[in-house]
Structure formats: C-alpha cells, structure tokens
Protein backbone atom coordinates (compact mmCIF):
# COMPACT_ATOMS: atom_id res chain seq x y z
CA UNK A 1 -0.20 -0.23 -0.04
CA UNK A 2 1.37 3.62 -0.80
CA UNK A 3 0.23 6.19 1.33
CA UNK A 4 0.55 10.29 -0.12
CA UNK A 5 1.82 12.38 3.77
CA UNK A 6 3.28 16.21 4.15
CA UNK A 7 5.73 16.91 6.19
CA UNK A 8 6.58 20.33 7.21
CA UNK A 9 4.51 21.61 4.09
CA UNK A 10 6.68 19.24 1.88
CA UNK A 11 4.78 15.72 -0.16
CA UNK A 12 6.09 12.81 0.00
CA UNK A 13 4.50 8.57 -0.18
CA UNK A 14 5.18 6.20 1.93
CA UNK A 15 5.20 2.27 1.36
CA UNK A 16 3.38 0.39 4.15
CA UNK A 17 3.58 -3.41 4.56
CA UNK A 18 1.58 -5.60 7.17
CA UNK A 19 3.82 -8.30 9.19
CA UNK A 20 2.42 -11.52 10.05
CA UNK A 21 1.68 -10.24 13.83
CA UNK A 22 -0.50 -7.33 12.67
CA UNK A 23 1.89 -4.24 12.98
CA UNK A 24 2.13 -2.29 10.32
CA UNK A 25 5.60 -1.27 8.30
CA UNK A 26 6.48 2.15 6.91
CA UNK A 27 8.92 3.92 4.87
CA UNK A 28 9.48 6.84 2.65
CA UNK A 29 10.14 6.23 -0.96
CA UNK A 30 11.48 10.32 -1.28
CA UNK A 31 14.82 11.80 -0.61
CA UNK A 32 14.37 14.29 2.51
CA UNK A 33 16.05 17.02 3.84
CA UNK A 34 18.82 18.52 1.16
CA UNK A 35 18.91 15.52 -0.87
CA UNK A 36 19.56 12.97 2.51
CA UNK A 37 17.82 9.65 2.09
CA UNK A 38 15.80 8.65 4.14
CA UNK A 39 14.80 4.87 4.45
CA UNK A 40 14.08 4.58 8.12
CA UNK A 41 11.43 1.77 8.46
CA UNK A 42 9.30 2.61 11.76
CA UNK A 43 6.21 0.74 12.52
CA UNK A 44 2.64 1.01 14.27
CA UNK A 45 -0.45 -1.32 15.71
CA UNK A 46 -2.29 1.17 12.89
CA UNK A 47 -1.50 2.30 9.92
CA UNK A 48 -2.15 5.82 11.54
CA UNK A 49 0.46 5.21 14.42
CA UNK A 50 2.95 3.90 11.93
CA UNK A 51 2.87 6.61 9.67
CA UNK A 52 3.13 9.38 12.98
CA UNK A 53 5.86 7.30 13.84
CA UNK A 54 7.46 7.85 10.60
CA UNK A 55 6.78 11.87 10.61
CA UNK A 56 7.99 12.24 13.99
CA UNK A 57 11.40 10.21 12.30
CA UNK A 58 11.24 12.39 9.73
CA UNK A 59 10.83 15.73 11.74
CA UNK A 60 13.55 14.67 14.28
CA UNK A 61 16.00 14.02 10.90
CA UNK A 62 15.38 17.46 9.70
CA UNK A 63 16.05 19.16 12.95
CA UNK A 64 18.85 17.19 14.19
CA UNK A 65 22.77 17.83 12.45
CA UNK A 66 22.58 15.16 8.94
CA UNK A 67 24.76 12.39 11.17
CA UNK A 68 21.47 11.10 13.01
CA UNK A 69 20.00 10.29 8.93
CA UNK A 70 23.57 8.79 8.02
CA UNK A 71 23.59 6.98 11.20
CA UNK A 72 20.13 5.89 10.33
CA UNK A 73 20.35 5.14 7.21
CA UNK A 74 23.98 2.94 7.78
CA UNK A 75 21.90 1.12 10.58
CA UNK A 76 19.35 0.04 8.07
CA UNK A 77 21.98 -0.95 5.25
CA UNK A 78 23.80 -2.76 7.99
CA UNK A 79 20.58 -4.73 8.61
CA UNK A 80 19.54 -5.40 5.00
CA UNK A 81 23.29 -6.86 4.43
C-alpha cells in the first residue's frame, strides 16, 4: 500500500506493509532534507500510528544534525546486508 503525506509542507509517499503479527511497517520512498535519503522503517499497531511515527522521525532527522540521518541509513543498510 502507498500513502501520500506531508512533512513541513513537503509532500512524500510512504510504502506500508502489514506484518504477520499485525503491526504496520512504513517507509518514505523519497529523499528528505537536502538530498538525504530517509530509508528508515517505522512501525505501529495501526496505519495512523505507523505514519505518525514516520513523520516524527523525519522531523527529528530534519531538525537534528545530518549525522542522525546518516547513522540511521547506515544502520538500516547493515540490517539488510
């Protein structure tokens, strides 16, 4: 499932997947904040809570130093390797 959403006035698309145990996983598919890739997966019991968690993480990424985004991206790459 794909859902559109906004963060600070910018439009993004998110991919949502339901896990076997009923949780929702969500990930932004666009670049966020000066070309920084945001491939971090968030989760929630409902679609709304998963989306809320993703938006919070993206706002944190934007407001924090770019190192947070790089660390998150490298961590996620390590998990998928």
